[in-house]
Amino acid sequence: MYDKFRETVRPFLKSKLEEFELYGYDRVTEEELWGFLKNKTWKKEKEEKRLYQLVGDILSVKVGDYMNYVTVEAFKAPSWFEGEGKDALNNLI
């Protein structure tokens, strides 16, 4: 829904990433930040936001909120010790 605005808001995404770097989170990519915004911040929106609202949302992202999201998503990922991952691990051993 918001992908059409991505190019327009790119300077604000870069600004937020620079802020993350100041706090020592220099490995966060624009793609990851955009995914956070789409999957967390704007996930439950019923109607499309205006451009100024998107910019406000981008600039108000807190490092802690982003890191909490990334942590939860990592726990949702498949385990290397079950199913297909277990087979691959056993083949390595």
N, C-alpha and C. Protein backbone atom coordinates (compact mmCIF):
# COMPACT_ATOMS: atom_id res chain seq x y z
N MET A 1 0.82 -1.19 0.00
CA MET A 1 0.00 0.00 0.00
C MET A 1 0.87 1.27 0.00
N TYR A 2 1.99 1.23 0.72
CA TYR A 2 2.82 2.43 0.86
C TYR A 2 4.06 2.41 -0.02
N ASP A 3 4.25 1.35 -0.77
CA ASP A 3 5.46 1.24 -1.59
C ASP A 3 5.56 2.37 -2.61
N LYS A 4 4.44 2.90 -3.04
CA LYS A 4 4.47 3.98 -4.03
C LYS A 4 5.08 5.27 -3.45
N PHE A 5 5.14 5.38 -2.12
CA PHE A 5 5.72 6.56 -1.48
C PHE A 5 7.19 6.39 -1.12
N ARG A 6 7.70 5.20 -1.32
CA ARG A 6 9.05 4.91 -0.82
C ARG A 6 10.11 5.84 -1.39
N GLU A 7 10.07 6.08 -2.67
CA GLU A 7 11.07 6.96 -3.28
C GLU A 7 10.94 8.38 -2.74
N THR A 8 9.75 8.82 -2.51
CA THR A 8 9.50 10.17 -2.00
C THR A 8 10.02 10.34 -0.58
N VAL A 9 9.88 9.31 0.25
CA VAL A 9 10.28 9.41 1.66
C VAL A 9 11.70 8.90 1.91
N ARG A 10 12.40 8.52 0.86
CA ARG A 10 13.76 7.99 1.00
C ARG A 10 14.69 8.92 1.80
N PRO A 11 14.66 10.24 1.59
CA PRO A 11 15.54 11.11 2.40
C PRO A 11 15.25 10.99 3.90
N PHE A 12 14.01 10.77 4.27
CA PHE A 12 13.66 10.63 5.68
C PHE A 12 14.10 9.28 6.23
N LEU A 13 14.03 8.26 5.40
CA LEU A 13 14.54 6.94 5.79
C LEU A 13 16.05 7.02 6.04
N LYS A 14 16.75 7.70 5.13
CA LYS A 14 18.20 7.84 5.29
C LYS A 14 18.53 8.63 6.54
N SER A 15 17.76 9.65 6.82
CA SER A 15 17.97 10.44 8.03
C SER A 15 17.80 9.58 9.28
N LYS A 16 16.78 8.75 9.27
CA LYS A 16 16.54 7.87 10.43
C LYS A 16 17.67 6.86 10.56
N LEU A 17 18.15 6.34 9.46
CA LEU A 17 19.27 5.39 9.51
C LEU A 17 20.54 6.06 10.04
N GLU A 18 20.74 7.31 9.69
CA GLU A 18 21.89 8.05 10.23
C GLU A 18 21.75 8.22 11.75
N GLU A 19 20.54 8.44 12.21
CA GLU A 19 20.29 8.53 13.65
C GLU A 19 20.61 7.19 14.32
N PHE A 20 20.18 6.09 13.69
CA PHE A 20 20.49 4.76 14.23
C PHE A 20 22.01 4.58 14.35
N GLU A 21 22.75 5.05 13.33
CA GLU A 21 24.21 4.94 13.35
C GLU A 21 24.81 5.68 14.54
N LEU A 22 24.24 6.83 14.87
CA LEU A 22 24.73 7.59 16.02
C LEU A 22 24.61 6.80 17.31
N TYR A 23 23.60 5.93 17.37
CA TYR A 23 23.39 5.09 18.55
C TYR A 23 24.14 3.76 18.46
N GLY A 24 24.89 3.57 17.38
CA GLY A 24 25.70 2.37 17.25
C GLY A 24 25.03 1.25 16.46
N TYR A 25 23.90 1.51 15.85
CA TYR A 25 23.20 0.49 15.06
C TYR A 25 23.43 0.79 13.58
N ASP A 26 24.65 0.52 13.13
CA ASP A 26 25.02 0.88 11.77
C ASP A 26 24.75 -0.22 10.75
N ARG A 27 24.23 -1.33 11.19
CA ARG A 27 23.96 -2.43 10.26
C ARG A 27 22.51 -2.49 9.79
N VAL A 28 21.69 -1.60 10.26
CA VAL A 28 20.28 -1.57 9.83
C VAL A 28 20.24 -0.99 8.42
N THR A 29 19.57 -1.69 7.52
CA THR A 29 19.48 -1.23 6.14
C THR A 29 18.16 -0.50 5.92
N GLU A 30 18.12 0.22 4.82
CA GLU A 30 16.88 0.91 4.45
C GLU A 30 15.75 -0.10 4.24
N GLU A 31 16.07 -1.22 3.63
CA GLU A 31 15.08 -2.27 3.38
C GLU A 31 14.51 -2.80 4.70
N GLU A 32 15.36 -3.01 5.69
CA GLU A 32 14.90 -3.52 6.99
C GLU A 32 14.03 -2.49 7.70
N LEU A 33 14.42 -1.24 7.64
CA LEU A 33 13.62 -0.18 8.27
C LEU A 33 12.27 -0.06 7.58
N TRP A 34 12.26 -0.13 6.27
CA TRP A 34 11.01 -0.06 5.51
C TRP A 34 10.11 -1.24 5.85
N GLY A 35 10.69 -2.42 5.98
CA GLY A 35 9.92 -3.60 6.38
C GLY A 35 9.31 -3.44 7.76
N PHE A 36 10.06 -2.87 8.69
CA PHE A 36 9.52 -2.59 10.03
C PHE A 36 8.32 -1.67 9.95
N LEU A 37 8.46 -0.61 9.18
CA LEU A 37 7.36 0.35 9.06
C LEU A 37 6.12 -0.31 8.45
N LYS A 38 6.32 -1.08 7.39
CA LYS A 38 5.18 -1.73 6.73
C LYS A 38 4.54 -2.81 7.59
N ASN A 39 5.37 -3.61 8.24
CA ASN A 39 4.87 -4.77 8.97
C ASN A 39 4.46 -4.49 10.40
N LYS A 40 4.92 -3.40 10.96
CA LYS A 40 4.61 -3.10 12.36
C LYS A 40 3.83 -1.80 12.49
N THR A 41 4.41 -0.72 12.02
CA THR A 41 3.81 0.60 12.21
C THR A 41 2.53 0.77 11.41
N TRP A 42 2.55 0.35 10.15
CA TRP A 42 1.40 0.58 9.27
C TRP A 42 0.57 -0.67 9.02
N LYS A 43 0.84 -1.74 9.71
CA LYS A 43 0.18 -3.02 9.45
C LYS A 43 -1.34 -2.96 9.60
N LYS A 44 -1.82 -2.31 10.64
CA LYS A 44 -3.25 -2.33 10.94
C LYS A 44 -4.00 -1.10 10.44
N GLU A 45 -3.38 -0.31 9.60
CA GLU A 45 -4.03 0.89 9.08
C GLU A 45 -5.17 0.49 8.15
N LYS A 46 -6.32 1.09 8.37
CA LYS A 46 -7.49 0.76 7.56
C LYS A 46 -7.58 1.62 6.32
N GLU A 47 -7.13 2.86 6.44
CA GLU A 47 -7.11 3.71 5.27
C GLU A 47 -5.72 4.29 5.09
N GLU A 48 -5.41 4.62 3.86
CA GLU A 48 -4.06 5.07 3.54
C GLU A 48 -3.76 6.41 4.21
N LYS A 49 -2.56 6.50 4.75
CA LYS A 49 -2.12 7.73 5.40
C LYS A 49 -1.65 8.73 4.35
N ARG A 50 -1.63 9.98 4.75
CA ARG A 50 -1.10 11.04 3.89
C ARG A 50 0.42 11.06 4.02
N LEU A 51 1.05 11.71 3.07
CA LEU A 51 2.50 11.75 3.02
C LEU A 51 3.11 12.32 4.30
N TYR A 52 2.56 13.39 4.81
CA TYR A 52 3.12 13.99 6.02
C TYR A 52 3.01 13.05 7.22
N GLN A 53 1.98 12.20 7.24
CA GLN A 53 1.84 11.22 8.32
C GLN A 53 2.89 10.13 8.20
N LEU A 54 3.20 9.71 6.98
CA LEU A 54 4.25 8.71 6.77
C LEU A 54 5.60 9.25 7.22
N VAL A 55 5.88 10.49 6.86
CA VAL A 55 7.15 11.11 7.26
C VAL A 55 7.22 11.18 8.79
N GLY A 56 6.12 11.58 9.42
CA GLY A 56 6.09 11.65 10.87
C GLY A 56 6.34 10.29 11.51
N ASP A 57 5.76 9.25 10.94
CA ASP A 57 5.97 7.89 11.45
C ASP A 57 7.43 7.48 11.32
N ILE A 58 8.03 7.80 10.19
CA ILE A 58 9.43 7.43 9.96
C ILE A 58 10.33 8.13 10.97
N LEU A 59 10.12 9.42 11.14
CA LEU A 59 10.98 10.20 12.02
C LEU A 59 10.76 9.89 13.49
N SER A 60 9.63 9.28 13.82
CA SER A 60 9.35 8.97 15.23
C SER A 60 9.73 7.55 15.63
N VAL A 61 10.30 6.76 14.70
CA VAL A 61 10.73 5.40 15.04
C VAL A 61 11.83 5.49 16.09
N LYS A 62 11.66 4.71 17.14
CA LYS A 62 12.67 4.64 18.20
C LYS A 62 13.51 3.39 17.99
N VAL A 63 14.80 3.51 18.27
CA VAL A 63 15.72 2.39 18.10
C VAL A 63 15.23 1.19 18.89
N GLY A 64 14.77 1.41 20.12
CA GLY A 64 14.29 0.31 20.97
C GLY A 64 13.11 -0.41 20.37
N ASP A 65 12.18 0.33 19.76
CA ASP A 65 11.01 -0.30 19.12
C ASP A 65 11.45 -1.16 17.95
N TYR A 66 12.39 -0.64 17.16
CA TYR A 66 12.89 -1.40 16.02
C TYR A 66 13.60 -2.67 16.48
N MET A 67 14.44 -2.55 17.51
CA MET A 67 15.18 -3.71 18.00
C MET A 67 14.25 -4.75 18.61
N ASN A 68 13.21 -4.33 19.30
CA ASN A 68 12.22 -5.27 19.83
C ASN A 68 11.55 -6.03 18.69
N TYR A 69 11.19 -5.33 17.64
CA TYR A 69 10.57 -5.95 16.47
C TYR A 69 11.50 -7.00 15.85
N VAL A 70 12.76 -6.63 15.66
CA VAL A 70 13.74 -7.55 15.06
C VAL A 70 13.92 -8.78 15.93
N THR A 71 13.95 -8.60 17.23
CA THR A 71 14.11 -9.72 18.15
C THR A 71 12.94 -10.68 18.05
N VAL A 72 11.74 -10.15 18.06
CA VAL A 72 10.53 -10.99 17.96
C VAL A 72 10.53 -11.73 16.63
N GLU A 73 10.88 -11.05 15.55
CA GLU A 73 10.91 -11.69 14.24
C GLU A 73 11.94 -12.81 14.19
N ALA A 74 13.06 -12.63 14.88
CA ALA A 74 14.09 -13.66 14.92
C ALA A 74 13.57 -14.91 15.63
N PHE A 75 12.77 -14.72 16.68
CA PHE A 75 12.20 -15.87 17.39
C PHE A 75 11.15 -16.58 16.55
N LYS A 76 10.53 -15.87 15.63
CA LYS A 76 9.52 -16.48 14.76
C LYS A 76 10.16 -17.32 13.65
N ALA A 77 11.43 -17.07 13.36
CA ALA A 77 12.13 -17.78 12.29
C ALA A 77 12.22 -19.26 12.63
N PRO A 78 12.28 -20.09 11.61
CA PRO A 78 12.38 -21.54 11.88
C PRO A 78 13.65 -21.88 12.64
N SER A 79 13.56 -22.87 13.46
CA SER A 79 14.70 -23.30 14.27
C SER A 79 15.61 -24.20 13.45
N TRP A 80 16.92 -24.03 13.63
CA TRP A 80 17.88 -24.88 12.95
C TRP A 80 17.94 -26.26 13.59
N PHE A 81 17.30 -26.44 14.72
CA PHE A 81 17.38 -27.71 15.44
C PHE A 81 16.12 -28.54 15.28
N GLU A 82 15.24 -28.14 14.36
CA GLU A 82 14.02 -28.90 14.11
C GLU A 82 13.82 -29.07 12.61
N GLY A 83 13.15 -30.11 12.21
CA GLY A 83 12.77 -30.34 10.83
C GLY A 83 13.92 -30.32 9.85
N GLU A 84 13.75 -29.55 8.80
CA GLU A 84 14.73 -29.48 7.72
C GLU A 84 16.08 -28.96 8.21
N GLY A 85 16.06 -28.01 9.14
CA GLY A 85 17.30 -27.48 9.69
C GLY A 85 18.08 -28.53 10.44
N LYS A 86 17.36 -29.42 11.13
CA LYS A 86 18.02 -30.49 11.88
C LYS A 86 18.73 -31.44 10.92
N ASP A 87 18.08 -31.77 9.81
CA ASP A 87 18.70 -32.64 8.80
C ASP A 87 19.95 -32.01 8.23
N ALA A 88 19.89 -30.74 7.92
CA ALA A 88 21.06 -30.04 7.39
C ALA A 88 22.19 -30.00 8.41
N LEU A 89 21.82 -29.78 9.66
CA LEU A 89 22.82 -29.75 10.72
C LEU A 89 23.48 -31.11 10.89
N ASN A 90 22.69 -32.18 10.85
CA ASN A 90 23.23 -33.52 10.97
C ASN A 90 24.17 -33.86 9.79
N ASN A 91 23.84 -33.37 8.60
CA ASN A 91 24.70 -33.61 7.45
C ASN A 91 26.05 -32.91 7.60
N LEU A 92 26.06 -31.79 8.28
CA LEU A 92 27.30 -31.08 8.53
C LEU A 92 28.18 -31.78 9.56
N ILE A 93 27.53 -32.47 10.48
CA ILE A 93 28.26 -33.14 11.56
C ILE A 93 28.69 -34.48 11.09
